[in-house]
Amino acid sequence: MDYVSALVPPVVMAAFFIGLIVTIVKSQGGANKAKEDAAVDAAIARAEAAQQTPRPGSTA
């Protein structure tokens, strides 16, 4: 019976990991995909604009 107690934790962790992957894959896309993509694009644009804007007093 030692082999059963040795195999249970990896099997349980594998089952939870598979469930996590399935949840992640199912949550991709769907009705909110365009809204999520737009939010990410806006955040990237803001970050790039802030990075390119020279700060007052800088010698760049």
PDB file of N, CA and C in Angstrom:
ATOM      1  N   MET A   1       0.810  -1.208   0.000  1.00  0.00           N
ATOM      2  CA  MET A   1       0.000   0.000   0.000  1.00  0.00           C
ATOM      3  C   MET A   1       0.852   1.271   0.000  1.00  0.00           C
ATOM      4  N   ASP A   2       2.142   1.132   0.194  1.00  0.00           N
ATOM      5  CA  ASP A   2       3.008   2.316   0.161  1.00  0.00           C
ATOM      6  C   ASP A   2       3.007   2.962  -1.219  1.00  0.00           C
ATOM      7  N   TYR A   3       2.876   2.142  -2.255  1.00  0.00           N
ATOM      8  CA  TYR A   3       2.885   2.704  -3.601  1.00  0.00           C
ATOM      9  C   TYR A   3       1.658   3.580  -3.836  1.00  0.00           C
ATOM     10  N   VAL A   4       0.541   3.246  -3.210  1.00  0.00           N
ATOM     11  CA  VAL A   4      -0.666   4.063  -3.369  1.00  0.00           C
ATOM     12  C   VAL A   4      -0.452   5.432  -2.724  1.00  0.00           C
ATOM     13  N   SER A   5       0.082   5.452  -1.516  1.00  0.00           N
ATOM     14  CA  SER A   5       0.307   6.729  -0.844  1.00  0.00           C
ATOM     15  C   SER A   5       1.393   7.535  -1.542  1.00  0.00           C
ATOM     16  N   ALA A   6       2.288   6.873  -2.257  1.00  0.00           N
ATOM     17  CA  ALA A   6       3.321   7.589  -3.007  1.00  0.00           C
ATOM     18  C   ALA A   6       2.767   8.176  -4.295  1.00  0.00           C
ATOM     19  N   LEU A   7       1.758   7.553  -4.887  1.00  0.00           N
ATOM     20  CA  LEU A   7       1.211   8.013  -6.158  1.00  0.00           C
ATOM     21  C   LEU A   7       0.079   9.026  -6.018  1.00  0.00           C
ATOM     22  N   VAL A   8      -0.573   9.079  -4.876  1.00  0.00           N
ATOM     23  CA  VAL A   8      -1.741   9.951  -4.721  1.00  0.00           C
ATOM     24  C   VAL A   8      -1.389  11.431  -4.892  1.00  0.00           C
ATOM     25  N   PRO A   9      -0.369  11.975  -4.219  1.00  0.00           N
ATOM     26  CA  PRO A   9      -0.107  13.414  -4.391  1.00  0.00           C
ATOM     27  C   PRO A   9       0.193  13.829  -5.829  1.00  0.00           C
ATOM     28  N   PRO A  10       1.040  13.107  -6.589  1.00  0.00           N
ATOM     29  CA  PRO A  10       1.252  13.528  -7.977  1.00  0.00           C
ATOM     30  C   PRO A  10      -0.001  13.432  -8.836  1.00  0.00           C
ATOM     31  N   VAL A  11      -0.819  12.441  -8.595  1.00  0.00           N
ATOM     32  CA  VAL A  11      -2.048  12.288  -9.380  1.00  0.00           C
ATOM     33  C   VAL A  11      -3.014  13.434  -9.069  1.00  0.00           C
ATOM     34  N   VAL A  12      -3.126  13.788  -7.798  1.00  0.00           N
ATOM     35  CA  VAL A  12      -4.010  14.894  -7.414  1.00  0.00           C
ATOM     36  C   VAL A  12      -3.499  16.203  -8.001  1.00  0.00           C
ATOM     37  N   MET A  13      -2.177  16.442  -7.922  1.00  0.00           N
ATOM     38  CA  MET A  13      -1.619  17.664  -8.494  1.00  0.00           C
ATOM     39  C   MET A  13      -1.809  17.701 -10.008  1.00  0.00           C
ATOM     40  N   ALA A  14      -1.658  16.573 -10.664  1.00  0.00           N
ATOM     41  CA  ALA A  14      -1.852  16.517 -12.119  1.00  0.00           C
ATOM     42  C   ALA A  14      -3.306  16.828 -12.467  1.00  0.00           C
ATOM     43  N   ALA A  15      -4.233  16.317 -11.698  1.00  0.00           N
ATOM     44  CA  ALA A  15      -5.649  16.575 -11.958  1.00  0.00           C
ATOM     45  C   ALA A  15      -5.962  18.062 -11.800  1.00  0.00           C
ATOM     46  N   PHE A  16      -5.447  18.688 -10.743  1.00  0.00           N
ATOM     47  CA  PHE A  16      -5.670  20.122 -10.558  1.00  0.00           C
ATOM     48  C   PHE A  16      -5.004  20.936 -11.659  1.00  0.00           C
ATOM     49  N   PHE A  17      -3.820  20.530 -12.085  1.00  0.00           N
ATOM     50  CA  PHE A  17      -3.115  21.242 -13.150  1.00  0.00           C
ATOM     51  C   PHE A  17      -3.894  21.157 -14.458  1.00  0.00           C
ATOM     52  N   ILE A  18      -4.408  19.981 -14.776  1.00  0.00           N
ATOM     53  CA  ILE A  18      -5.214  19.814 -15.988  1.00  0.00           C
ATOM     54  C   ILE A  18      -6.469  20.680 -15.908  1.00  0.00           C
ATOM     55  N   GLY A  19      -7.090  20.721 -14.738  1.00  0.00           N
ATOM     56  CA  GLY A  19      -8.262  21.579 -14.555  1.00  0.00           C
ATOM     57  C   GLY A  19      -7.926  23.043 -14.743  1.00  0.00           C
ATOM     58  N   LEU A  20      -6.771  23.466 -14.251  1.00  0.00           N
ATOM     59  CA  LEU A  20      -6.335  24.851 -14.420  1.00  0.00           C
ATOM     60  C   LEU A  20      -6.118  25.182 -15.890  1.00  0.00           C
ATOM     61  N   ILE A  21      -5.455  24.303 -16.611  1.00  0.00           N
ATOM     62  CA  ILE A  21      -5.204  24.529 -18.036  1.00  0.00           C
ATOM     63  C   ILE A  21      -6.516  24.588 -18.809  1.00  0.00           C
ATOM     64  N   VAL A  22      -7.437  23.693 -18.505  1.00  0.00           N
ATOM     65  CA  VAL A  22      -8.737  23.691 -19.189  1.00  0.00           C
ATOM     66  C   VAL A  22      -9.482  24.990 -18.918  1.00  0.00           C
ATOM     67  N   THR A  23      -9.439  25.458 -17.670  1.00  0.00           N
ATOM     68  CA  THR A  23     -10.108  26.722 -17.330  1.00  0.00           C
ATOM     69  C   THR A  23      -9.490  27.892 -18.078  1.00  0.00           C
ATOM     70  N   ILE A  24      -8.157  27.930 -18.161  1.00  0.00           N
ATOM     71  CA  ILE A  24      -7.485  29.014 -18.871  1.00  0.00           C
ATOM     72  C   ILE A  24      -7.852  28.992 -20.350  1.00  0.00           C
ATOM     73  N   VAL A  25      -7.845  27.819 -20.948  1.00  0.00           N
ATOM     74  CA  VAL A  25      -8.150  27.717 -22.375  1.00  0.00           C
ATOM     75  C   VAL A  25      -9.596  28.110 -22.651  1.00  0.00           C
ATOM     76  N   LYS A  26     -10.517  27.683 -21.778  1.00  0.00           N
ATOM     77  CA  LYS A  26     -11.930  28.018 -21.991  1.00  0.00           C
ATOM     78  C   LYS A  26     -12.203  29.501 -21.802  1.00  0.00           C
ATOM     79  N   SER A  27     -11.416  30.177 -20.969  1.00  0.00           N
ATOM     80  CA  SER A  27     -11.670  31.590 -20.709  1.00  0.00           C
ATOM     81  C   SER A  27     -11.090  32.489 -21.794  1.00  0.00           C
ATOM     82  N   GLN A  28     -10.331  31.940 -22.707  1.00  0.00           N
ATOM     83  CA  GLN A  28      -9.776  32.737 -23.803  1.00  0.00           C
ATOM     84  C   GLN A  28     -10.852  32.943 -24.863  1.00  0.00           C
ATOM     85  N   GLY A  29     -10.884  34.137 -25.425  1.00  0.00           N
ATOM     86  CA  GLY A  29     -11.862  34.416 -26.471  1.00  0.00           C
ATOM     87  C   GLY A  29     -13.232  34.683 -25.893  1.00  0.00           C
ATOM     88  N   GLY A  30     -14.240  34.372 -26.639  1.00  0.00           N
ATOM     89  CA  GLY A  30     -15.601  34.565 -26.173  1.00  0.00           C
ATOM     90  C   GLY A  30     -16.115  35.962 -26.467  1.00  0.00           C
ATOM     91  N   ALA A  31     -17.189  36.329 -25.802  1.00  0.00           N
ATOM     92  CA  ALA A  31     -17.883  37.579 -26.071  1.00  0.00           C
ATOM     93  C   ALA A  31     -17.057  38.797 -25.673  1.00  0.00           C
ATOM     94  N   ASN A  32     -16.212  38.668 -24.643  1.00  0.00           N
ATOM     95  CA  ASN A  32     -15.463  39.825 -24.156  1.00  0.00           C
ATOM     96  C   ASN A  32     -14.081  39.955 -24.786  1.00  0.00           C
ATOM     97  N   LYS A  33     -13.758  39.117 -25.762  1.00  0.00           N
ATOM     98  CA  LYS A  33     -12.414  39.135 -26.343  1.00  0.00           C
ATOM     99  C   LYS A  33     -12.080  40.491 -26.951  1.00  0.00           C
ATOM    100  N   ALA A  34     -12.979  41.082 -27.710  1.00  0.00           N
ATOM    101  CA  ALA A  34     -12.708  42.369 -28.349  1.00  0.00           C
ATOM    102  C   ALA A  34     -12.516  43.454 -27.295  1.00  0.00           C
ATOM    103  N   LYS A  35     -13.318  43.430 -26.236  1.00  0.00           N
ATOM    104  CA  LYS A  35     -13.200  44.431 -25.183  1.00  0.00           C
ATOM    105  C   LYS A  35     -11.872  44.281 -24.442  1.00  0.00           C
ATOM    106  N   GLU A  36     -11.473  43.034 -24.160  1.00  0.00           N
ATOM    107  CA  GLU A  36     -10.204  42.799 -23.477  1.00  0.00           C
ATOM    108  C   GLU A  36      -9.028  43.214 -24.358  1.00  0.00           C
ATOM    109  N   ASP A  37      -9.106  42.885 -25.652  1.00  0.00           N
ATOM    110  CA  ASP A  37      -8.041  43.264 -26.569  1.00  0.00           C
ATOM    111  C   ASP A  37      -7.918  44.781 -26.668  1.00  0.00           C
ATOM    112  N   ALA A  38      -9.049  45.488 -26.704  1.00  0.00           N
ATOM    113  CA  ALA A  38      -9.026  46.944 -26.780  1.00  0.00           C
ATOM    114  C   ALA A  38      -8.413  47.542 -25.521  1.00  0.00           C
ATOM    115  N   ALA A  39      -8.716  46.967 -24.367  1.00  0.00           N
ATOM    116  CA  ALA A  39      -8.155  47.476 -23.115  1.00  0.00           C
ATOM    117  C   ALA A  39      -6.639  47.282 -23.079  1.00  0.00           C
ATOM    118  N   VAL A  40      -6.188  46.138 -23.537  1.00  0.00           N
ATOM    119  CA  VAL A  40      -4.745  45.870 -23.568  1.00  0.00           C
ATOM    120  C   VAL A  40      -4.054  46.791 -24.563  1.00  0.00           C
ATOM    121  N   ASP A  41      -4.646  46.967 -25.738  1.00  0.00           N
ATOM    122  CA  ASP A  41      -4.057  47.861 -26.738  1.00  0.00           C
ATOM    123  C   ASP A  41      -3.969  49.293 -26.208  1.00  0.00           C
ATOM    124  N   ALA A  42      -4.997  49.752 -25.496  1.00  0.00           N
ATOM    125  CA  ALA A  42      -4.981  51.105 -24.944  1.00  0.00           C
ATOM    126  C   ALA A  42      -3.893  51.246 -23.879  1.00  0.00           C
ATOM    127  N   ALA A  43      -3.723  50.227 -23.042  1.00  0.00           N
ATOM    128  CA  ALA A  43      -2.696  50.282 -22.006  1.00  0.00           C
ATOM    129  C   ALA A  43      -1.304  50.302 -22.622  1.00  0.00           C
ATOM    130  N   ILE A  44      -1.096  49.526 -23.662  1.00  0.00           N
ATOM    131  CA  ILE A  44       0.208  49.496 -24.347  1.00  0.00           C
ATOM    132  C   ILE A  44       0.481  50.850 -24.998  1.00  0.00           C
ATOM    133  N   ALA A  45      -0.546  51.432 -25.630  1.00  0.00           N
ATOM    134  CA  ALA A  45      -0.377  52.734 -26.273  1.00  0.00           C
ATOM    135  C   ALA A  45      -0.026  53.807 -25.248  1.00  0.00           C
ATOM    136  N   ARG A  46      -0.692  53.773 -24.073  1.00  0.00           N
ATOM    137  CA  ARG A  46      -0.375  54.745 -23.022  1.00  0.00           C
ATOM    138  C   ARG A  46       1.058  54.572 -22.531  1.00  0.00           C
ATOM    139  N   ALA A  47       1.480  53.322 -22.352  1.00  0.00           N
ATOM    140  CA  ALA A  47       2.842  53.062 -21.873  1.00  0.00           C
ATOM    141  C   ALA A  47       3.873  53.531 -22.897  1.00  0.00           C
ATOM    142  N   GLU A  48       3.622  53.289 -24.167  1.00  0.00           N
ATOM    143  CA  GLU A  48       4.557  53.723 -25.202  1.00  0.00           C
ATOM    144  C   GLU A  48       4.597  55.242 -25.312  1.00  0.00           C
ATOM    145  N   ALA A  49       3.454  55.896 -25.184  1.00  0.00           N
ATOM    146  CA  ALA A  49       3.407  57.349 -25.257  1.00  0.00           C
ATOM    147  C   ALA A  49       4.146  57.975 -24.079  1.00  0.00           C
ATOM    148  N   ALA A  50       3.980  57.404 -22.900  1.00  0.00           N
ATOM    149  CA  ALA A  50       4.665  57.929 -21.719  1.00  0.00           C
ATOM    150  C   ALA A  50       6.169  57.709 -21.825  1.00  0.00           C
ATOM    151  N   GLN A  51       6.571  56.636 -22.435  1.00  0.00           N
ATOM    152  CA  GLN A  51       7.990  56.323 -22.574  1.00  0.00           C
ATOM    153  C   GLN A  51       8.659  57.254 -23.586  1.00  0.00           C
ATOM    154  N   GLN A  52       7.954  57.650 -24.623  1.00  0.00           N
ATOM    155  CA  GLN A  52       8.526  58.462 -25.682  1.00  0.00           C
ATOM    156  C   GLN A  52       8.478  59.955 -25.360  1.00  0.00           C
ATOM    157  N   THR A  53       7.641  60.367 -24.432  1.00  0.00           N
ATOM    158  CA  THR A  53       7.520  61.775 -24.090  1.00  0.00           C
ATOM    159  C   THR A  53       8.729  62.185 -23.238  1.00  0.00           C
ATOM    160  N   PRO A  54       9.511  63.193 -23.692  1.00  0.00           N
ATOM    161  CA  PRO A  54      10.669  63.624 -22.894  1.00  0.00           C
ATOM    162  C   PRO A  54      10.210  64.354 -21.637  1.00  0.00           C
ATOM    163  N   ARG A  55      10.909  64.099 -20.554  1.00  0.00           N
ATOM    164  CA  ARG A  55      10.563  64.748 -19.291  1.00  0.00           C
ATOM    165  C   ARG A  55      11.232  66.116 -19.232  1.00  0.00           C
ATOM    166  N   PRO A  56      10.587  67.057 -18.581  1.00  0.00           N
ATOM    167  CA  PRO A  56      11.201  68.384 -18.445  1.00  0.00           C
ATOM    168  C   PRO A  56      12.501  68.281 -17.639  1.00  0.00           C
ATOM    169  N   GLY A  57      13.514  68.968 -18.107  1.00  0.00           N
ATOM    170  CA  GLY A  57      14.787  68.975 -17.407  1.00  0.00           C
ATOM    171  C   GLY A  57      15.703  67.835 -17.779  1.00  0.00           C
ATOM    172  N   SER A  58      15.279  66.934 -18.675  1.00  0.00           N
ATOM    173  CA  SER A  58      16.139  65.835 -19.060  1.00  0.00           C
ATOM    174  C   SER A  58      17.077  66.303 -20.162  1.00  0.00           C
ATOM    175  N   THR A  59      18.234  65.654 -20.269  1.00  0.00           N
ATOM    176  CA  THR A  59      19.229  66.049 -21.256  1.00  0.00           C
ATOM    177  C   THR A  59      19.257  65.113 -22.452  1.00  0.00           C
ATOM    178  N   ALA A  60      18.207  64.343 -22.610  1.00  0.00           N
ATOM    179  CA  ALA A  60      18.162  63.385 -23.716  1.00  0.00           C
ATOM    180  C   ALA A  60      17.964  64.115 -24.959  1.00  0.00           C
TER     181      ALA A  60
END
